[in-house]
Amino acid sequence: MATRHGAATTPFRERIGGLAKGQAADLVVLDWDRVTYPWQDPRNGFADVLVRRAKAEAVAQVMVAGRTVYADGAFVNVDRKAELDRLKKWQSRPRTALDEEMAELAEAAIDVVHDYYKSWR
């Protein structure tokens, strides 16, 4: 719906950006009743309602490349415990030189980031 023109600017224009046979079919299906609960002013435009009101709780289904990856409040074909165990194992591994470098960079940048966002309050 909103991606056709953006997709046209990429080398993937024939595979993304629309709903047609042979395209990637990355979709997010929203439950309109959940988006608009408890009430929605009918004078508000569709896109405005989506941008302002749609939250994670309204997601009914997600498809990536035509395959359902999320439905009915859960990820499809994902063993949550196994993935959390894998994450724990990965996080427990010895830190690499790159990990150390990224941590130092994050520490050096944090004051700049805080200063940037101060004006947003």
PDB file of N, CA and C in Angstrom:
ATOM      1  N   MET A   1       0.823  -1.185   0.000  1.00  0.00           N
ATOM      2  CA  MET A   1       0.000   0.000   0.000  1.00  0.00           C
ATOM      3  C   MET A   1       0.865   1.245   0.000  1.00  0.00           C
ATOM      4  N   ALA A   2       1.785   1.355   0.940  1.00  0.00           N
ATOM      5  CA  ALA A   2       2.551   2.588   1.075  1.00  0.00           C
ATOM      6  C   ALA A   2       3.969   2.462   0.559  1.00  0.00           C
ATOM      7  N   THR A   3       4.308   1.353  -0.055  1.00  0.00           N
ATOM      8  CA  THR A   3       5.715   1.134  -0.381  1.00  0.00           C
ATOM      9  C   THR A   3       6.034   1.059  -1.867  1.00  0.00           C
ATOM     10  N   ARG A   4       5.056   1.107  -2.722  1.00  0.00           N
ATOM     11  CA  ARG A   4       5.297   0.941  -4.159  1.00  0.00           C
ATOM     12  C   ARG A   4       6.287   1.964  -4.698  1.00  0.00           C
ATOM     13  N   HIS A   5       6.099   3.227  -4.407  1.00  0.00           N
ATOM     14  CA  HIS A   5       6.992   4.253  -4.949  1.00  0.00           C
ATOM     15  C   HIS A   5       8.388   4.162  -4.336  1.00  0.00           C
ATOM     16  N   GLY A   6       8.464   3.853  -3.056  1.00  0.00           N
ATOM     17  CA  GLY A   6       9.770   3.660  -2.429  1.00  0.00           C
ATOM     18  C   GLY A   6      10.508   2.487  -3.038  1.00  0.00           C
ATOM     19  N   ALA A   7       9.791   1.407  -3.265  1.00  0.00           N
ATOM     20  CA  ALA A   7      10.410   0.210  -3.860  1.00  0.00           C
ATOM     21  C   ALA A   7      10.908   0.493  -5.266  1.00  0.00           C
ATOM     22  N   ALA A   8      10.228   1.372  -5.981  1.00  0.00           N
ATOM     23  CA  ALA A   8      10.614   1.679  -7.362  1.00  0.00           C
ATOM     24  C   ALA A   8      11.994   2.316  -7.449  1.00  0.00           C
ATOM     25  N   THR A   9      12.496   2.838  -6.347  1.00  0.00           N
ATOM     26  CA  THR A   9      13.814   3.483  -6.354  1.00  0.00           C
ATOM     27  C   THR A   9      14.936   2.505  -6.064  1.00  0.00           C
ATOM     28  N   THR A  10      14.599   1.227  -5.877  1.00  0.00           N
ATOM     29  CA  THR A  10      15.605   0.232  -5.508  1.00  0.00           C
ATOM     30  C   THR A  10      15.809  -0.779  -6.627  1.00  0.00           C
ATOM     31  N   PRO A  11      16.922  -1.511  -6.567  1.00  0.00           N
ATOM     32  CA  PRO A  11      17.119  -2.575  -7.558  1.00  0.00           C
ATOM     33  C   PRO A  11      16.148  -3.750  -7.379  1.00  0.00           C
ATOM     34  N   PHE A  12      15.383  -3.750  -6.290  1.00  0.00           N
ATOM     35  CA  PHE A  12      14.461  -4.847  -5.984  1.00  0.00           C
ATOM     36  C   PHE A  12      13.040  -4.538  -6.435  1.00  0.00           C
ATOM     37  N   ARG A  13      12.850  -3.482  -7.224  1.00  0.00           N
ATOM     38  CA  ARG A  13      11.526  -2.978  -7.580  1.00  0.00           C
ATOM     39  C   ARG A  13      10.577  -4.025  -8.155  1.00  0.00           C
ATOM     40  N   GLU A  14      11.122  -5.055  -8.792  1.00  0.00           N
ATOM     41  CA  GLU A  14      10.263  -6.090  -9.373  1.00  0.00           C
ATOM     42  C   GLU A  14       9.809  -7.113  -8.339  1.00  0.00           C
ATOM     43  N   ARG A  15      10.459  -7.130  -7.174  1.00  0.00           N
ATOM     44  CA  ARG A  15      10.150  -8.152  -6.167  1.00  0.00           C
ATOM     45  C   ARG A  15       9.498  -7.600  -4.914  1.00  0.00           C
ATOM     46  N   ILE A  16       9.479  -6.271  -4.735  1.00  0.00           N
ATOM     47  CA  ILE A  16       8.921  -5.696  -3.511  1.00  0.00           C
ATOM     48  C   ILE A  16       8.024  -4.508  -3.848  1.00  0.00           C
ATOM     49  N   GLY A  17       7.249  -4.060  -2.855  1.00  0.00           N
ATOM     50  CA  GLY A  17       6.498  -2.829  -2.982  1.00  0.00           C
ATOM     51  C   GLY A  17       5.053  -2.964  -3.393  1.00  0.00           C
ATOM     52  N   GLY A  18       4.606  -4.150  -3.709  1.00  0.00           N
ATOM     53  CA  GLY A  18       3.225  -4.312  -4.125  1.00  0.00           C
ATOM     54  C   GLY A  18       2.708  -5.701  -3.834  1.00  0.00           C
ATOM     55  N   LEU A  19       1.467  -5.908  -4.178  1.00  0.00           N
ATOM     56  CA  LEU A  19       0.845  -7.221  -4.009  1.00  0.00           C
ATOM     57  C   LEU A  19       0.607  -7.796  -5.397  1.00  0.00           C
ATOM     58  N   ALA A  20       1.518  -8.645  -5.821  1.00  0.00           N
ATOM     59  CA  ALA A  20       1.409  -9.260  -7.141  1.00  0.00           C
ATOM     60  C   ALA A  20       2.140 -10.594  -7.125  1.00  0.00           C
ATOM     61  N   LYS A  21       1.751 -11.473  -8.012  1.00  0.00           N
ATOM     62  CA  LYS A  21       2.390 -12.772  -8.115  1.00  0.00           C
ATOM     63  C   LYS A  21       3.888 -12.588  -8.342  1.00  0.00           C
ATOM     64  N   GLY A  22       4.696 -13.316  -7.553  1.00  0.00           N
ATOM     65  CA  GLY A  22       6.143 -13.246  -7.683  1.00  0.00           C
ATOM     66  C   GLY A  22       6.805 -12.207  -6.795  1.00  0.00           C
ATOM     67  N   GLN A  23       6.020 -11.369  -6.107  1.00  0.00           N
ATOM     68  CA  GLN A  23       6.615 -10.393  -5.208  1.00  0.00           C
ATOM     69  C   GLN A  23       6.797 -11.003  -3.826  1.00  0.00           C
ATOM     70  N   ALA A  24       7.607 -10.345  -3.008  1.00  0.00           N
ATOM     71  CA  ALA A  24       8.053 -10.915  -1.742  1.00  0.00           C
ATOM     72  C   ALA A  24       6.942 -11.140  -0.721  1.00  0.00           C
ATOM     73  N   ALA A  25       5.883 -10.397  -0.762  1.00  0.00           N
ATOM     74  CA  ALA A  25       4.752 -10.552   0.158  1.00  0.00           C
ATOM     75  C   ALA A  25       5.168 -10.454   1.620  1.00  0.00           C
ATOM     76  N   ASP A  26       5.794  -9.348   1.979  1.00  0.00           N
ATOM     77  CA  ASP A  26       6.031  -9.029   3.383  1.00  0.00           C
ATOM     78  C   ASP A  26       4.818  -8.224   3.842  1.00  0.00           C
ATOM     79  N   LEU A  27       4.050  -8.792   4.764  1.00  0.00           N
ATOM     80  CA  LEU A  27       2.793  -8.171   5.178  1.00  0.00           C
ATOM     81  C   LEU A  27       2.652  -8.131   6.686  1.00  0.00           C
ATOM     82  N   VAL A  28       1.991  -7.088   7.158  1.00  0.00           N
ATOM     83  CA  VAL A  28       1.561  -7.017   8.544  1.00  0.00           C
ATOM     84  C   VAL A  28       0.047  -6.850   8.501  1.00  0.00           C
ATOM     85  N   VAL A  29      -0.669  -7.799   9.099  1.00  0.00           N
ATOM     86  CA  VAL A  29      -2.122  -7.760   9.131  1.00  0.00           C
ATOM     87  C   VAL A  29      -2.544  -7.269  10.507  1.00  0.00           C
ATOM     88  N   LEU A  30      -3.329  -6.201  10.515  1.00  0.00           N
ATOM     89  CA  LEU A  30      -3.785  -5.617  11.771  1.00  0.00           C
ATOM     90  C   LEU A  30      -5.256  -5.928  12.010  1.00  0.00           C
ATOM     91  N   ASP A  31      -5.613  -6.100  13.261  1.00  0.00           N
ATOM     92  CA  ASP A  31      -6.996  -6.274  13.668  1.00  0.00           C
ATOM     93  C   ASP A  31      -7.577  -4.871  13.864  1.00  0.00           C
ATOM     94  N   TRP A  32      -8.444  -4.454  12.938  1.00  0.00           N
ATOM     95  CA  TRP A  32      -8.957  -3.082  12.948  1.00  0.00           C
ATOM     96  C   TRP A  32      -9.705  -2.765  14.243  1.00  0.00           C
ATOM     97  N   ASP A  33     -10.419  -3.725  14.789  1.00  0.00           N
ATOM     98  CA  ASP A  33     -11.131  -3.480  16.053  1.00  0.00           C
ATOM     99  C   ASP A  33     -10.138  -3.165  17.174  1.00  0.00           C
ATOM    100  N   ARG A  34      -9.008  -3.854  17.193  1.00  0.00           N
ATOM    101  CA  ARG A  34      -7.986  -3.570  18.211  1.00  0.00           C
ATOM    102  C   ARG A  34      -7.327  -2.214  17.975  1.00  0.00           C
ATOM    103  N   VAL A  35      -7.132  -1.852  16.715  1.00  0.00           N
ATOM    104  CA  VAL A  35      -6.525  -0.554  16.401  1.00  0.00           C
ATOM    105  C   VAL A  35      -7.424   0.575  16.884  1.00  0.00           C
ATOM    106  N   THR A  36      -8.710   0.451  16.687  1.00  0.00           N
ATOM    107  CA  THR A  36      -9.635   1.560  16.950  1.00  0.00           C
ATOM    108  C   THR A  36     -10.346   1.492  18.293  1.00  0.00           C
ATOM    109  N   TYR A  37     -10.093   0.473  19.086  1.00  0.00           N
ATOM    110  CA  TYR A  37     -10.756   0.331  20.399  1.00  0.00           C
ATOM    111  C   TYR A  37     -10.298   1.438  21.339  1.00  0.00           C
ATOM    112  N   PRO A  38     -11.128   2.022  22.132  1.00  0.00           N
ATOM    113  CA  PRO A  38     -12.547   1.770  22.328  1.00  0.00           C
ATOM    114  C   PRO A  38     -13.432   2.566  21.366  1.00  0.00           C
ATOM    115  N   TRP A  39     -12.868   3.556  20.685  1.00  0.00           N
ATOM    116  CA  TRP A  39     -13.651   4.362  19.747  1.00  0.00           C
ATOM    117  C   TRP A  39     -12.708   5.080  18.817  1.00  0.00           C
ATOM    118  N   GLN A  40     -13.157   5.287  17.603  1.00  0.00           N
ATOM    119  CA  GLN A  40     -12.350   6.035  16.640  1.00  0.00           C
ATOM    120  C   GLN A  40     -13.257   7.019  15.907  1.00  0.00           C
ATOM    121  N   ASP A  41     -12.865   8.273  15.902  1.00  0.00           N
ATOM    122  CA  ASP A  41     -13.627   9.293  15.187  1.00  0.00           C
ATOM    123  C   ASP A  41     -13.596   8.972  13.688  1.00  0.00           C
ATOM    124  N   PRO A  42     -14.739   8.764  13.071  1.00  0.00           N
ATOM    125  CA  PRO A  42     -14.773   8.387  11.657  1.00  0.00           C
ATOM    126  C   PRO A  42     -14.245   9.477  10.726  1.00  0.00           C
ATOM    127  N   ARG A  43     -14.080  10.692  11.228  1.00  0.00           N
ATOM    128  CA  ARG A  43     -13.539  11.773  10.390  1.00  0.00           C
ATOM    129  C   ARG A  43     -12.031  11.660  10.215  1.00  0.00           C
ATOM    130  N   ASN A  44     -11.379  10.846  11.047  1.00  0.00           N
ATOM    131  CA  ASN A  44      -9.938  10.665  10.914  1.00  0.00           C
ATOM    132  C   ASN A  44      -9.642   9.747   9.731  1.00  0.00           C
ATOM    133  N   GLY A  45      -8.661  10.128   8.945  1.00  0.00           N
ATOM    134  CA  GLY A  45      -8.294   9.333   7.783  1.00  0.00           C
ATOM    135  C   GLY A  45      -7.642   8.020   8.162  1.00  0.00           C
ATOM    136  N   PHE A  46      -7.721   7.069   7.263  1.00  0.00           N
ATOM    137  CA  PHE A  46      -7.190   5.734   7.481  1.00  0.00           C
ATOM    138  C   PHE A  46      -5.710   5.760   7.862  1.00  0.00           C
ATOM    139  N   ALA A  47      -4.880   6.449   7.073  1.00  0.00           N
ATOM    140  CA  ALA A  47      -3.434   6.487   7.340  1.00  0.00           C
ATOM    141  C   ALA A  47      -3.153   7.152   8.681  1.00  0.00           C
ATOM    142  N   ASP A  48      -3.878   8.200   9.002  1.00  0.00           N
ATOM    143  CA  ASP A  48      -3.683   8.886  10.282  1.00  0.00           C
ATOM    144  C   ASP A  48      -4.004   7.955  11.445  1.00  0.00           C
ATOM    145  N   VAL A  49      -5.072   7.188  11.319  1.00  0.00           N
ATOM    146  CA  VAL A  49      -5.437   6.233  12.374  1.00  0.00           C
ATOM    147  C   VAL A  49      -4.335   5.191  12.538  1.00  0.00           C
ATOM    148  N   LEU A  50      -3.817   4.653  11.431  1.00  0.00           N
ATOM    149  CA  LEU A  50      -2.758   3.656  11.521  1.00  0.00           C
ATOM    150  C   LEU A  50      -1.519   4.210  12.205  1.00  0.00           C
ATOM    151  N   VAL A  51      -1.107   5.396  11.813  1.00  0.00           N
ATOM    152  CA  VAL A  51       0.111   5.979  12.372  1.00  0.00           C
ATOM    153  C   VAL A  51      -0.065   6.306  13.847  1.00  0.00           C
ATOM    154  N   ARG A  52      -1.206   6.825  14.217  1.00  0.00           N
ATOM    155  CA  ARG A  52      -1.415   7.281  15.597  1.00  0.00           C
ATOM    156  C   ARG A  52      -1.931   6.210  16.552  1.00  0.00           C
ATOM    157  N   ARG A  53      -2.640   5.211  16.040  1.00  0.00           N
ATOM    158  CA  ARG A  53      -3.317   4.290  16.945  1.00  0.00           C
ATOM    159  C   ARG A  53      -2.809   2.854  16.913  1.00  0.00           C
ATOM    160  N   ALA A  54      -2.233   2.398  15.806  1.00  0.00           N
ATOM    161  CA  ALA A  54      -1.840   0.994  15.698  1.00  0.00           C
ATOM    162  C   ALA A  54      -0.670   0.696  16.628  1.00  0.00           C
ATOM    163  N   LYS A  55      -0.846  -0.259  17.481  1.00  0.00           N
ATOM    164  CA  LYS A  55       0.171  -0.690  18.444  1.00  0.00           C
ATOM    165  C   LYS A  55       0.435  -2.181  18.233  1.00  0.00           C
ATOM    166  N   ALA A  56       1.457  -2.673  18.888  1.00  0.00           N
ATOM    167  CA  ALA A  56       1.835  -4.084  18.735  1.00  0.00           C
ATOM    168  C   ALA A  56       0.670  -5.020  19.043  1.00  0.00           C
ATOM    169  N   GLU A  57      -0.172  -4.655  19.982  1.00  0.00           N
ATOM    170  CA  GLU A  57      -1.291  -5.520  20.368  1.00  0.00           C
ATOM    171  C   GLU A  57      -2.281  -5.725  19.226  1.00  0.00           C
ATOM    172  N   ALA A  58      -2.265  -4.846  18.237  1.00  0.00           N
ATOM    173  CA  ALA A  58      -3.203  -4.948  17.122  1.00  0.00           C
ATOM    174  C   ALA A  58      -2.694  -5.862  16.003  1.00  0.00           C
ATOM    175  N   VAL A  59      -1.451  -6.303  16.092  1.00  0.00           N
ATOM    176  CA  VAL A  59      -0.896  -7.158  15.040  1.00  0.00           C
ATOM    177  C   VAL A  59      -1.517  -8.554  15.144  1.00  0.00           C
ATOM    178  N   ALA A  60      -2.184  -8.953  14.073  1.00  0.00           N
ATOM    179  CA  ALA A  60      -2.819 -10.272  14.039  1.00  0.00           C
ATOM    180  C   ALA A  60      -1.935 -11.299  13.355  1.00  0.00           C
ATOM    181  N   GLN A  61      -1.183 -10.850  12.323  1.00  0.00           N
ATOM    182  CA  GLN A  61      -0.354 -11.785  11.566  1.00  0.00           C
ATOM    183  C   GLN A  61       0.763 -11.017  10.870  1.00  0.00           C
ATOM    184  N   VAL A  62       1.913 -11.676  10.723  1.00  0.00           N
ATOM    185  CA  VAL A  62       3.039 -11.112   9.972  1.00  0.00           C
ATOM    186  C   VAL A  62       3.524 -12.177   9.002  1.00  0.00           C
ATOM    187  N   MET A  63       3.721 -11.758   7.756  1.00  0.00           N
ATOM    188  CA  MET A  63       4.259 -12.654   6.730  1.00  0.00           C
ATOM    189  C   MET A  63       5.546 -12.056   6.196  1.00  0.00           C
ATOM    190  N   VAL A  64       6.555 -12.889   6.016  1.00  0.00           N
ATOM    191  CA  VAL A  64       7.821 -12.481   5.415  1.00  0.00           C
ATOM    192  C   VAL A  64       8.067 -13.400   4.227  1.00  0.00           C
ATOM    193  N   ALA A  65       8.229 -12.792   3.065  1.00  0.00           N
ATOM    194  CA  ALA A  65       8.428 -13.548   1.824  1.00  0.00           C
ATOM    195  C   ALA A  65       7.330 -14.597   1.623  1.00  0.00           C
ATOM    196  N   GLY A  66       6.112 -14.228   2.000  1.00  0.00           N
ATOM    197  CA  GLY A  66       4.975 -15.115   1.797  1.00  0.00           C
ATOM    198  C   GLY A  66       4.775 -16.180   2.854  1.00  0.00           C
ATOM    199  N   ARG A  67       5.667 -16.242   3.841  1.00  0.00           N
ATOM    200  CA  ARG A  67       5.546 -17.243   4.914  1.00  0.00           C
ATOM    201  C   ARG A  67       5.080 -16.573   6.193  1.00  0.00           C
ATOM    202  N   THR A  68       4.091 -17.145   6.850  1.00  0.00           N
ATOM    203  CA  THR A  68       3.620 -16.610   8.115  1.00  0.00           C
ATOM    204  C   THR A  68       4.683 -16.844   9.177  1.00  0.00           C
ATOM    205  N   VAL A  69       5.111 -15.766   9.844  1.00  0.00           N
ATOM    206  CA  VAL A  69       6.106 -15.887  10.905  1.00  0.00           C
ATOM    207  C   VAL A  69       5.523 -15.527  12.275  1.00  0.00           C
ATOM    208  N   TYR A  70       4.338 -14.892  12.277  1.00  0.00           N
ATOM    209  CA  TYR A  70       3.694 -14.509  13.535  1.00  0.00           C
ATOM    210  C   TYR A  70       2.191 -14.582  13.334  1.00  0.00           C
ATOM    211  N   ALA A  71       1.488 -15.242  14.244  1.00  0.00           N
ATOM    212  CA  ALA A  71       0.034 -15.337  14.172  1.00  0.00           C
ATOM    213  C   ALA A  71      -0.522 -15.670  15.542  1.00  0.00           C
ATOM    214  N   ASP A  72      -1.698 -15.146  15.822  1.00  0.00           N
ATOM    215  CA  ASP A  72      -2.409 -15.459  17.065  1.00  0.00           C
ATOM    216  C   ASP A  72      -1.551 -15.192  18.307  1.00  0.00           C
ATOM    217  N   GLY A  73      -0.769 -14.117  18.268  1.00  0.00           N
ATOM    218  CA  GLY A  73      -0.005 -13.720  19.443  1.00  0.00           C
ATOM    219  C   GLY A  73       1.290 -14.462  19.677  1.00  0.00           C
ATOM    220  N   ALA A  74       1.740 -15.243  18.716  1.00  0.00           N
ATOM    221  CA  ALA A  74       2.971 -16.004  18.911  1.00  0.00           C
ATOM    222  C   ALA A  74       3.730 -16.146  17.591  1.00  0.00           C
ATOM    223  N   PHE A  75       5.033 -16.311  17.702  1.00  0.00           N
ATOM    224  CA  PHE A  75       5.849 -16.572  16.530  1.00  0.00           C
ATOM    225  C   PHE A  75       5.665 -18.016  16.111  1.00  0.00           C
ATOM    226  N   VAL A  76       5.528 -18.225  14.825  1.00  0.00           N
ATOM    227  CA  VAL A  76       5.309 -19.549  14.259  1.00  0.00           C
ATOM    228  C   VAL A  76       6.664 -20.232  14.069  1.00  0.00           C
ATOM    229  N   ASN A  77       6.729 -21.495  14.395  1.00  0.00           N
ATOM    230  CA  ASN A  77       7.954 -22.291  14.193  1.00  0.00           C
ATOM    231  C   ASN A  77       9.163 -21.746  14.951  1.00  0.00           C
ATOM    232  N   VAL A  78       8.931 -21.138  16.088  1.00  0.00           N
ATOM    233  CA  VAL A  78      10.035 -20.660  16.919  1.00  0.00           C
ATOM    234  C   VAL A  78       9.868 -21.273  18.302  1.00  0.00           C
ATOM    235  N   ASP A  79      10.896 -21.952  18.732  1.00  0.00           N
ATOM    236  CA  ASP A  79      10.908 -22.519  20.079  1.00  0.00           C
ATOM    237  C   ASP A  79      11.495 -21.445  20.997  1.00  0.00           C
ATOM    238  N   ARG A  80      10.623 -20.741  21.702  1.00  0.00           N
ATOM    239  CA  ARG A  80      11.056 -19.593  22.506  1.00  0.00           C
ATOM    240  C   ARG A  80      12.132 -19.970  23.508  1.00  0.00           C
ATOM    241  N   LYS A  81      11.945 -21.067  24.227  1.00  0.00           N
ATOM    242  CA  LYS A  81      12.929 -21.480  25.220  1.00  0.00           C
ATOM    243  C   LYS A  81      14.271 -21.787  24.566  1.00  0.00           C
ATOM    244  N   ALA A  82      14.257 -22.489  23.437  1.00  0.00           N
ATOM    245  CA  ALA A  82      15.506 -22.815  22.748  1.00  0.00           C
ATOM    246  C   ALA A  82      16.222 -21.550  22.300  1.00  0.00           C
ATOM    247  N   GLU A  83      15.480 -20.565  21.813  1.00  0.00           N
ATOM    248  CA  GLU A  83      16.099 -19.314  21.363  1.00  0.00           C
ATOM    249  C   GLU A  83      16.662 -18.523  22.541  1.00  0.00           C
ATOM    250  N   LEU A  84      15.944 -18.518  23.663  1.00  0.00           N
ATOM    251  CA  LEU A  84      16.468 -17.832  24.850  1.00  0.00           C
ATOM    252  C   LEU A  84      17.721 -18.537  25.367  1.00  0.00           C
ATOM    253  N   ASP A  85      17.725 -19.864  25.321  1.00  0.00           N
ATOM    254  CA  ASP A  85      18.923 -20.617  25.733  1.00  0.00           C
ATOM    255  C   ASP A  85      20.100 -20.306  24.816  1.00  0.00           C
ATOM    256  N   ARG A  86      19.820 -20.215  23.510  1.00  0.00           N
ATOM    257  CA  ARG A  86      20.873 -19.879  22.539  1.00  0.00           C
ATOM    258  C   ARG A  86      21.409 -18.468  22.794  1.00  0.00           C
ATOM    259  N   LEU A  87      20.519 -17.539  23.105  1.00  0.00           N
ATOM    260  CA  LEU A  87      20.933 -16.170  23.410  1.00  0.00           C
ATOM    261  C   LEU A  87      21.788 -16.130  24.676  1.00  0.00           C
ATOM    262  N   LYS A  88      21.368 -16.883  25.704  1.00  0.00           N
ATOM    263  CA  LYS A  88      22.142 -16.933  26.949  1.00  0.00           C
ATOM    264  C   LYS A  88      23.543 -17.470  26.690  1.00  0.00           C
ATOM    265  N   LYS A  89      23.632 -18.530  25.899  1.00  0.00           N
ATOM    266  CA  LYS A  89      24.937 -19.110  25.581  1.00  0.00           C
ATOM    267  C   LYS A  89      25.802 -18.106  24.824  1.00  0.00           C
ATOM    268  N   TRP A  90      25.210 -17.424  23.859  1.00  0.00           N
ATOM    269  CA  TRP A  90      25.956 -16.441  23.074  1.00  0.00           C
ATOM    270  C   TRP A  90      26.434 -15.280  23.952  1.00  0.00           C
ATOM    271  N   GLN A  91      25.572 -14.805  24.837  1.00  0.00           N
ATOM    272  CA  GLN A  91      25.925 -13.694  25.724  1.00  0.00           C
ATOM    273  C   GLN A  91      26.971 -14.107  26.759  1.00  0.00           C
ATOM    274  N   SER A  92      27.065 -15.392  27.054  1.00  0.00           N
ATOM    275  CA  SER A  92      28.025 -15.888  28.049  1.00  0.00           C
ATOM    276  C   SER A  92      29.403 -16.170  27.457  1.00  0.00           C
ATOM    277  N   ARG A  93      29.533 -16.093  26.155  1.00  0.00           N
ATOM    278  CA  ARG A  93      30.812 -16.394  25.509  1.00  0.00           C
ATOM    279  C   ARG A  93      31.839 -15.324  25.878  1.00  0.00           C
ATOM    280  N   PRO A  94      33.117 -15.624  25.761  1.00  0.00           N
ATOM    281  CA  PRO A  94      34.143 -14.602  26.007  1.00  0.00           C
ATOM    282  C   PRO A  94      33.991 -13.461  24.999  1.00  0.00           C
ATOM    283  N   ARG A  95      34.200 -12.251  25.486  1.00  0.00           N
ATOM    284  CA  ARG A  95      34.079 -11.081  24.612  1.00  0.00           C
ATOM    285  C   ARG A  95      35.233 -11.042  23.617  1.00  0.00           C
ATOM    286  N   THR A  96      34.907 -10.673  22.402  1.00  0.00           N
ATOM    287  CA  THR A  96      35.920 -10.566  21.356  1.00  0.00           C
ATOM    288  C   THR A  96      36.509  -9.153  21.348  1.00  0.00           C
ATOM    289  N   ALA A  97      37.558  -8.982  20.569  1.00  0.00           N
ATOM    290  CA  ALA A  97      38.154  -7.654  20.422  1.00  0.00           C
ATOM    291  C   ALA A  97      37.132  -6.673  19.845  1.00  0.00           C
ATOM    292  N   LEU A  98      36.320  -7.136  18.915  1.00  0.00           N
ATOM    293  CA  LEU A  98      35.285  -6.271  18.341  1.00  0.00           C
ATOM    294  C   LEU A  98      34.253  -5.880  19.389  1.00  0.00           C
ATOM    295  N   ASP A  99      33.855  -6.827  20.255  1.00  0.00           N
ATOM    296  CA  ASP A  99      32.924  -6.512  21.347  1.00  0.00           C
ATOM    297  C   ASP A  99      33.500  -5.397  22.216  1.00  0.00           C
ATOM    298  N   GLU A 100      34.774  -5.509  22.556  1.00  0.00           N
ATOM    299  CA  GLU A 100      35.428  -4.495  23.393  1.00  0.00           C
ATOM    300  C   GLU A 100      35.455  -3.144  22.687  1.00  0.00           C
ATOM    301  N   GLU A 101      35.777  -3.172  21.402  1.00  0.00           N
ATOM    302  CA  GLU A 101      35.840  -1.923  20.627  1.00  0.00           C
ATOM    303  C   GLU A 101      34.466  -1.250  20.574  1.00  0.00           C
ATOM    304  N   MET A 102      33.407  -2.037  20.348  1.00  0.00           N
ATOM    305  CA  MET A 102      32.051  -1.488  20.289  1.00  0.00           C
ATOM    306  C   MET A 102      31.624  -0.939  21.652  1.00  0.00           C
ATOM    307  N   ALA A 103      32.008  -1.608  22.735  1.00  0.00           N
ATOM    308  CA  ALA A 103      31.677  -1.121  24.079  1.00  0.00           C
ATOM    309  C   ALA A 103      32.375   0.206  24.351  1.00  0.00           C
ATOM    310  N   GLU A 104      33.632   0.325  23.954  1.00  0.00           N
ATOM    311  CA  GLU A 104      34.365   1.580  24.132  1.00  0.00           C
ATOM    312  C   GLU A 104      33.740   2.701  23.305  1.00  0.00           C
ATOM    313  N   LEU A 105      33.355   2.398  22.089  1.00  0.00           N
ATOM    314  CA  LEU A 105      32.713   3.390  21.234  1.00  0.00           C
ATOM    315  C   LEU A 105      31.394   3.853  21.843  1.00  0.00           C
ATOM    316  N   ALA A 106      30.594   2.923  22.343  1.00  0.00           N
ATOM    317  CA  ALA A 106      29.310   3.266  22.965  1.00  0.00           C
ATOM    318  C   ALA A 106      29.526   4.152  24.187  1.00  0.00           C
ATOM    319  N   GLU A 107      30.515   3.809  24.991  1.00  0.00           N
ATOM    320  CA  GLU A 107      30.812   4.605  26.182  1.00  0.00           C
ATOM    321  C   GLU A 107      31.259   6.013  25.803  1.00  0.00           C
ATOM    322  N   ALA A 108      32.090   6.123  24.751  1.00  0.00           N
ATOM    323  CA  ALA A 108      32.575   7.434  24.314  1.00  0.00           C
ATOM    324  C   ALA A 108      31.455   8.284  23.725  1.00  0.00           C
ATOM    325  N   ALA A 109      30.447   7.645  23.120  1.00  0.00           N
ATOM    326  CA  ALA A 109      29.395   8.387  22.431  1.00  0.00           C
ATOM    327  C   ALA A 109      28.215   8.737  23.325  1.00  0.00           C
ATOM    328  N   ILE A 110      28.085   8.122  24.483  1.00  0.00           N
ATOM    329  CA  ILE A 110      26.866   8.273  25.275  1.00  0.00           C
ATOM    330  C   ILE A 110      26.599   9.717  25.682  1.00  0.00           C
ATOM    331  N   ASP A 111      27.613  10.480  26.047  1.00  0.00           N
ATOM    332  CA  ASP A 111      27.393  11.876  26.439  1.00  0.00           C
ATOM    333  C   ASP A 111      26.890  12.704  25.262  1.00  0.00           C
ATOM    334  N   VAL A 112      27.419  12.464  24.083  1.00  0.00           N
ATOM    335  CA  VAL A 112      26.975  13.177  22.885  1.00  0.00           C
ATOM    336  C   VAL A 112      25.514  12.850  22.597  1.00  0.00           C
ATOM    337  N   VAL A 113      25.149  11.592  22.733  1.00  0.00           N
ATOM    338  CA  VAL A 113      23.770  11.170  22.488  1.00  0.00           C
ATOM    339  C   VAL A 113      22.840  11.816  23.511  1.00  0.00           C
ATOM    340  N   HIS A 114      23.211  11.796  24.776  1.00  0.00           N
ATOM    341  CA  HIS A 114      22.385  12.432  25.813  1.00  0.00           C
ATOM    342  C   HIS A 114      22.203  13.905  25.520  1.00  0.00           C
ATOM    343  N   ASP A 115      23.276  14.597  25.159  1.00  0.00           N
ATOM    344  CA  ASP A 115      23.187  16.026  24.852  1.00  0.00           C
ATOM    345  C   ASP A 115      22.245  16.278  23.682  1.00  0.00           C
ATOM    346  N   TYR A 116      22.316  15.439  22.665  1.00  0.00           N
ATOM    347  CA  TYR A 116      21.466  15.594  21.486  1.00  0.00           C
ATOM    348  C   TYR A 116      19.995  15.493  21.869  1.00  0.00           C
ATOM    349  N   TYR A 117      19.658  14.517  22.715  1.00  0.00           N
ATOM    350  CA  TYR A 117      18.255  14.286  23.037  1.00  0.00           C
ATOM    351  C   TYR A 117      17.723  15.169  24.173  1.00  0.00           C
ATOM    352  N   LYS A 118      18.566  15.932  24.845  1.00  0.00           N
ATOM    353  CA  LYS A 118      18.092  16.829  25.913  1.00  0.00           C
ATOM    354  C   LYS A 118      17.032  17.787  25.406  1.00  0.00           C
ATOM    355  N   SER A 119      17.220  18.298  24.211  1.00  0.00           N
ATOM    356  CA  SER A 119      16.283  19.284  23.665  1.00  0.00           C
ATOM    357  C   SER A 119      14.936  18.672  23.308  1.00  0.00           C
ATOM    358  N   TRP A 120      14.806  17.354  23.312  1.00  0.00           N
ATOM    359  CA  TRP A 120      13.559  16.695  22.941  1.00  0.00           C
ATOM    360  C   TRP A 120      12.558  16.642  24.088  1.00  0.00           C
ATOM    361  N   ARG A 121      12.979  16.997  25.286  1.00  0.00           N
ATOM    362  CA  ARG A 121      12.099  16.883  26.460  1.00  0.00           C
ATOM    363  C   ARG A 121      11.050  17.952  26.487  1.00  0.00           C
TER     364      ARG A 121
END
